[in-house]
């Protein structure tokens, strides 16, 4: 019982810490300038219109985690089958909304 409660508590804490990480970083950019963001992060992958005279600066990346190795095995008919290796990855996107004066006023992120 105690182990289950401890495990559940630890999982909850890690989830809360993990979710706060990107949000805290992103929120720290609100009120700063596009030039400051470029100096720190470099140019974005894409820029689009925000519909209010400003821009949305989009930073995206593919994060590679691991690769599951391929396998070779015998099938029921005496033949050999092969399973190709699989890449384990995910996409991550960070979007900064910049007003016409070049000041970041909002943000959004997807993928950790």
N, C-alpha and C. Protein backbone atom coordinates (compact mmCIF):
# COMPACT_ATOMS: atom_id res chain seq x y z
N UNK A 1 0.82 -1.19 0.00
CA UNK A 1 0.00 0.00 0.00
C UNK A 1 0.86 1.26 0.00
N UNK A 2 1.89 1.29 0.89
CA UNK A 2 2.76 2.46 0.98
C UNK A 2 3.56 2.64 -0.31
N UNK A 3 4.02 1.53 -0.90
CA UNK A 3 4.79 1.62 -2.14
C UNK A 3 3.93 2.17 -3.27
N UNK A 4 2.69 1.75 -3.34
CA UNK A 4 1.77 2.24 -4.38
C UNK A 4 1.52 3.73 -4.22
N UNK A 5 1.31 4.19 -3.01
CA UNK A 5 1.07 5.61 -2.74
C UNK A 5 2.32 6.42 -3.08
N UNK A 6 3.48 5.94 -2.70
CA UNK A 6 4.73 6.62 -2.99
C UNK A 6 4.94 6.70 -4.50
N UNK A 7 4.74 5.60 -5.19
CA UNK A 7 4.90 5.56 -6.64
C UNK A 7 3.95 6.54 -7.32
N UNK A 8 2.68 6.55 -6.92
CA UNK A 8 1.69 7.46 -7.50
C UNK A 8 2.07 8.91 -7.26
N UNK A 9 2.54 9.21 -6.07
CA UNK A 9 2.95 10.58 -5.74
C UNK A 9 4.14 11.01 -6.59
N UNK A 10 5.12 10.14 -6.74
CA UNK A 10 6.29 10.47 -7.56
C UNK A 10 5.92 10.70 -9.01
N UNK A 11 5.07 9.87 -9.55
CA UNK A 11 4.62 10.04 -10.94
C UNK A 11 3.92 11.38 -11.11
N UNK A 12 3.04 11.73 -10.18
CA UNK A 12 2.33 13.00 -10.24
C UNK A 12 3.30 14.18 -10.20
N UNK A 13 4.28 14.12 -9.31
CA UNK A 13 5.27 15.20 -9.20
C UNK A 13 6.06 15.34 -10.50
N UNK A 14 6.51 14.24 -11.09
CA UNK A 14 7.27 14.30 -12.33
C UNK A 14 6.43 14.87 -13.48
N UNK A 15 5.18 14.51 -13.53
CA UNK A 15 4.29 15.04 -14.57
C UNK A 15 4.14 16.55 -14.41
N UNK A 16 3.91 16.99 -13.19
CA UNK A 16 3.74 18.42 -12.95
C UNK A 16 5.01 19.20 -13.24
N UNK A 17 6.16 18.68 -12.88
CA UNK A 17 7.43 19.35 -13.17
C UNK A 17 7.67 19.39 -14.67
N UNK A 18 7.42 18.27 -15.34
CA UNK A 18 7.62 18.22 -16.79
C UNK A 18 6.74 19.18 -17.55
N UNK A 19 5.50 19.32 -17.15
CA UNK A 19 4.57 20.22 -17.83
C UNK A 19 4.91 21.67 -17.56
N UNK A 20 5.48 21.97 -16.43
CA UNK A 20 5.80 23.35 -16.10
C UNK A 20 7.04 23.82 -16.84
N UNK A 21 7.92 22.92 -17.23
CA UNK A 21 9.18 23.28 -17.87
C UNK A 21 9.03 24.14 -19.11
N UNK A 22 8.44 23.62 -20.18
CA UNK A 22 8.31 24.42 -21.40
C UNK A 22 7.46 25.68 -21.19
N UNK A 23 6.41 25.59 -20.40
CA UNK A 23 5.55 26.75 -20.17
C UNK A 23 6.31 27.87 -19.47
N UNK A 24 7.13 27.52 -18.51
CA UNK A 24 7.90 28.52 -17.79
C UNK A 24 8.90 29.20 -18.72
N UNK A 25 9.56 28.42 -19.55
CA UNK A 25 10.52 28.98 -20.51
C UNK A 25 9.81 29.87 -21.51
N UNK A 26 8.71 29.39 -22.06
CA UNK A 26 7.97 30.17 -23.06
C UNK A 26 7.43 31.46 -22.45
N UNK A 27 6.90 31.38 -21.26
CA UNK A 27 6.32 32.56 -20.61
C UNK A 27 7.38 33.63 -20.33
N UNK A 28 8.63 33.21 -20.15
CA UNK A 28 9.70 34.17 -19.87
C UNK A 28 9.98 35.08 -21.07
N UNK A 29 9.49 34.72 -22.25
CA UNK A 29 9.70 35.53 -23.44
C UNK A 29 8.64 36.60 -23.65
N UNK A 30 7.53 36.51 -22.98
CA UNK A 30 6.47 37.52 -23.13
C UNK A 30 7.01 38.87 -22.67
N UNK A 31 6.86 39.90 -23.52
CA UNK A 31 7.36 41.24 -23.22
C UNK A 31 8.75 41.50 -23.77
N UNK A 32 9.43 40.46 -24.21
CA UNK A 32 10.77 40.64 -24.80
C UNK A 32 10.62 40.82 -26.30
N UNK A 33 11.69 41.18 -26.97
CA UNK A 33 11.60 41.52 -28.39
C UNK A 33 11.95 40.35 -29.30
N UNK A 34 11.51 40.49 -30.52
CA UNK A 34 11.82 39.52 -31.57
C UNK A 34 13.34 39.44 -31.75
N UNK A 35 14.03 40.58 -31.69
CA UNK A 35 15.49 40.60 -31.84
C UNK A 35 16.17 39.80 -30.73
N UNK A 36 15.67 39.90 -29.51
CA UNK A 36 16.23 39.13 -28.40
C UNK A 36 16.03 37.63 -28.61
N UNK A 37 14.85 37.27 -29.12
CA UNK A 37 14.57 35.86 -29.41
C UNK A 37 15.51 35.34 -30.48
N UNK A 38 15.72 36.12 -31.55
CA UNK A 38 16.64 35.72 -32.61
C UNK A 38 18.06 35.54 -32.09
N UNK A 39 18.49 36.42 -31.19
CA UNK A 39 19.83 36.31 -30.63
C UNK A 39 20.00 35.03 -29.82
N UNK A 40 18.93 34.63 -29.15
CA UNK A 40 18.99 33.44 -28.30
C UNK A 40 18.70 32.15 -29.05
N UNK A 41 17.66 32.14 -29.87
CA UNK A 41 17.20 30.92 -30.52
C UNK A 41 17.63 30.82 -31.98
N UNK A 42 18.09 31.91 -32.58
CA UNK A 42 18.38 31.93 -34.00
C UNK A 42 17.10 32.18 -34.79
N UNK A 43 17.20 32.18 -36.11
CA UNK A 43 16.00 32.43 -36.92
C UNK A 43 15.02 31.25 -36.83
N UNK A 44 13.73 31.54 -36.92
CA UNK A 44 12.73 30.47 -36.86
C UNK A 44 12.72 29.64 -38.14
N UNK A 45 12.10 28.47 -38.07
CA UNK A 45 11.94 27.63 -39.26
C UNK A 45 10.92 28.22 -40.22
N UNK A 46 9.95 28.94 -39.65
CA UNK A 46 8.85 29.50 -40.46
C UNK A 46 8.34 30.76 -39.80
N UNK A 47 7.82 31.67 -40.60
CA UNK A 47 7.17 32.87 -40.10
C UNK A 47 5.84 33.00 -40.83
N UNK A 48 4.78 33.29 -40.08
CA UNK A 48 3.46 33.47 -40.68
C UNK A 48 2.79 34.69 -40.06
N UNK A 49 1.73 35.15 -40.68
CA UNK A 49 0.98 36.31 -40.23
C UNK A 49 0.08 35.92 -39.06
N UNK A 50 -0.01 36.80 -38.05
CA UNK A 50 -0.87 36.50 -36.90
C UNK A 50 -2.30 37.03 -37.07
N UNK A 51 -2.57 37.70 -38.19
CA UNK A 51 -3.90 38.22 -38.47
C UNK A 51 -4.19 39.55 -37.79
N UNK A 52 -3.20 40.10 -37.06
CA UNK A 52 -3.38 41.37 -36.36
C UNK A 52 -2.25 42.35 -36.70
N UNK A 53 -1.59 42.12 -37.82
CA UNK A 53 -0.48 42.99 -38.22
C UNK A 53 0.87 42.54 -37.70
N UNK A 54 0.89 41.49 -36.91
CA UNK A 54 2.14 40.96 -36.38
C UNK A 54 2.52 39.65 -37.04
N UNK A 55 3.37 38.90 -36.38
CA UNK A 55 3.87 37.65 -36.93
C UNK A 55 3.80 36.53 -35.90
N UNK A 56 3.85 35.31 -36.42
CA UNK A 56 4.03 34.14 -35.58
C UNK A 56 5.36 33.51 -36.01
N UNK A 57 6.29 33.43 -35.08
CA UNK A 57 7.60 32.84 -35.35
C UNK A 57 7.53 31.39 -34.91
N UNK A 58 7.78 30.47 -35.83
CA UNK A 58 7.58 29.05 -35.56
C UNK A 58 8.93 28.32 -35.58
N UNK A 59 9.26 27.73 -34.46
CA UNK A 59 10.45 26.90 -34.31
C UNK A 59 9.98 25.45 -34.20
N UNK A 60 10.47 24.59 -35.08
CA UNK A 60 10.07 23.19 -35.01
C UNK A 60 11.28 22.29 -35.16
N UNK A 61 11.19 21.13 -34.54
CA UNK A 61 12.29 20.17 -34.58
C UNK A 61 11.74 18.77 -34.40
N UNK A 62 12.47 17.81 -34.91
CA UNK A 62 12.17 16.40 -34.69
C UNK A 62 13.17 15.89 -33.67
N UNK A 63 12.67 15.30 -32.61
CA UNK A 63 13.52 14.78 -31.55
C UNK A 63 13.61 13.27 -31.71
N UNK A 64 14.83 12.78 -31.93
CA UNK A 64 15.07 11.34 -32.05
C UNK A 64 15.37 10.77 -30.68
N UNK A 65 14.61 9.76 -30.29
CA UNK A 65 14.79 9.15 -28.98
C UNK A 65 15.71 7.94 -29.06
N UNK A 66 15.25 6.91 -29.68
CA UNK A 66 16.01 5.67 -29.79
C UNK A 66 15.62 4.97 -31.09
N UNK A 67 16.27 3.88 -31.34
CA UNK A 67 15.88 3.05 -32.48
C UNK A 67 15.66 1.64 -31.96
N UNK A 68 14.49 1.08 -32.30
CA UNK A 68 14.21 -0.31 -31.98
C UNK A 68 14.88 -1.15 -33.05
N UNK A 69 15.74 -2.07 -32.66
CA UNK A 69 16.47 -2.84 -33.67
C UNK A 69 15.56 -3.77 -34.48
N UNK A 70 16.00 -4.08 -35.67
CA UNK A 70 15.29 -5.06 -36.48
C UNK A 70 15.49 -6.46 -35.91
N UNK A 71 14.62 -7.36 -36.28
CA UNK A 71 14.74 -8.73 -35.78
C UNK A 71 14.61 -9.71 -36.93
N UNK A 72 15.29 -10.82 -36.79
CA UNK A 72 15.20 -11.93 -37.74
C UNK A 72 14.66 -13.13 -36.97
N UNK A 73 13.63 -13.77 -37.52
CA UNK A 73 13.05 -14.91 -36.82
C UNK A 73 12.51 -15.92 -37.83
N UNK A 74 12.38 -17.17 -37.36
CA UNK A 74 11.83 -18.24 -38.19
C UNK A 74 10.32 -18.23 -38.09
N UNK A 75 9.66 -18.34 -39.25
CA UNK A 75 8.20 -18.42 -39.22
C UNK A 75 7.76 -19.88 -39.14
N UNK A 76 6.47 -20.12 -39.10
CA UNK A 76 5.93 -21.48 -38.94
C UNK A 76 6.15 -22.36 -40.17
N UNK A 77 6.42 -21.76 -41.31
CA UNK A 77 6.61 -22.54 -42.54
C UNK A 77 8.07 -22.87 -42.80
N UNK A 78 8.94 -22.61 -41.84
CA UNK A 78 10.36 -22.90 -42.01
C UNK A 78 11.12 -21.78 -42.69
N UNK A 79 10.45 -20.71 -43.03
CA UNK A 79 11.11 -19.57 -43.67
C UNK A 79 11.63 -18.59 -42.63
N UNK A 80 12.29 -17.58 -43.13
CA UNK A 80 12.85 -16.55 -42.26
C UNK A 80 12.13 -15.23 -42.53
N UNK A 81 11.72 -14.57 -41.47
CA UNK A 81 11.10 -13.25 -41.58
C UNK A 81 12.03 -12.20 -40.97
N UNK A 82 11.89 -10.99 -41.44
CA UNK A 82 12.70 -9.88 -40.96
C UNK A 82 11.81 -8.69 -40.64
N UNK A 83 12.02 -8.09 -39.49
CA UNK A 83 11.33 -6.86 -39.12
C UNK A 83 12.35 -5.74 -39.16
N UNK A 84 12.07 -4.69 -39.92
CA UNK A 84 13.00 -3.57 -40.07
C UNK A 84 13.12 -2.77 -38.77
N UNK A 85 14.25 -2.10 -38.57
CA UNK A 85 14.40 -1.23 -37.40
C UNK A 85 13.38 -0.09 -37.44
N UNK A 86 12.96 0.37 -36.28
CA UNK A 86 12.00 1.47 -36.18
C UNK A 86 12.63 2.63 -35.43
N UNK A 87 12.54 3.84 -36.01
CA UNK A 87 13.00 5.05 -35.32
C UNK A 87 11.90 5.53 -34.39
N UNK A 88 12.25 5.84 -33.17
CA UNK A 88 11.31 6.39 -32.21
C UNK A 88 11.60 7.88 -32.08
N UNK A 89 10.66 8.69 -32.54
CA UNK A 89 10.87 10.14 -32.54
C UNK A 89 9.54 10.87 -32.40
N UNK A 90 9.63 12.16 -32.11
CA UNK A 90 8.44 12.99 -32.06
C UNK A 90 8.79 14.39 -32.53
N UNK A 91 7.79 15.15 -32.90
CA UNK A 91 7.97 16.53 -33.34
C UNK A 91 7.65 17.48 -32.20
N UNK A 92 8.39 18.58 -32.18
CA UNK A 92 8.15 19.59 -31.17
C UNK A 92 8.11 20.95 -31.87
N UNK A 93 7.13 21.77 -31.47
CA UNK A 93 6.93 23.08 -32.08
C UNK A 93 6.78 24.13 -30.99
N UNK A 94 7.46 25.26 -31.19
CA UNK A 94 7.35 26.42 -30.31
C UNK A 94 6.95 27.61 -31.17
N UNK A 95 5.86 28.30 -30.80
CA UNK A 95 5.35 29.43 -31.57
C UNK A 95 5.33 30.67 -30.71
N UNK A 96 5.89 31.75 -31.22
CA UNK A 96 5.91 33.03 -30.52
C UNK A 96 5.11 34.03 -31.34
N UNK A 97 4.16 34.70 -30.69
CA UNK A 97 3.33 35.70 -31.35
C UNK A 97 3.95 37.07 -31.08
N UNK A 98 4.26 37.79 -32.17
CA UNK A 98 4.96 39.07 -32.08
C UNK A 98 4.07 40.17 -32.63
N UNK A 99 3.91 41.26 -31.86
CA UNK A 99 3.06 42.37 -32.32
C UNK A 99 3.81 43.21 -33.37
N UNK A 100 3.13 44.17 -34.03
CA UNK A 100 3.79 44.98 -35.06
C UNK A 100 5.01 45.76 -34.57
N UNK A 101 5.11 46.00 -33.27
CA UNK A 101 6.27 46.70 -32.70
C UNK A 101 7.45 45.76 -32.45
N UNK A 102 7.27 44.47 -32.69
CA UNK A 102 8.34 43.50 -32.50
C UNK A 102 8.44 42.93 -31.10
N UNK A 103 7.37 43.07 -30.30
CA UNK A 103 7.36 42.57 -28.93
C UNK A 103 6.52 41.29 -28.86
N UNK A 104 7.05 40.29 -28.19
CA UNK A 104 6.34 39.01 -28.04
C UNK A 104 5.20 39.20 -27.04
N UNK A 105 3.98 38.85 -27.49
CA UNK A 105 2.82 39.03 -26.62
C UNK A 105 2.14 37.72 -26.23
N UNK A 106 2.49 36.62 -26.88
CA UNK A 106 1.89 35.34 -26.54
C UNK A 106 2.76 34.22 -27.11
N UNK A 107 2.41 32.99 -26.76
CA UNK A 107 3.16 31.83 -27.23
C UNK A 107 2.28 30.59 -27.19
N UNK A 108 2.77 29.56 -27.81
CA UNK A 108 2.11 28.25 -27.81
C UNK A 108 3.16 27.19 -28.05
N UNK A 109 3.01 26.03 -27.46
CA UNK A 109 3.94 24.94 -27.75
C UNK A 109 3.18 23.62 -27.89
N UNK A 110 3.78 22.72 -28.67
CA UNK A 110 3.25 21.37 -28.86
C UNK A 110 4.43 20.42 -28.83
N UNK A 111 4.27 19.31 -28.18
CA UNK A 111 5.35 18.34 -28.06
C UNK A 111 6.37 18.78 -27.04
N UNK A 112 6.82 17.88 -26.24
CA UNK A 112 7.74 18.24 -25.17
C UNK A 112 9.10 18.37 -25.74
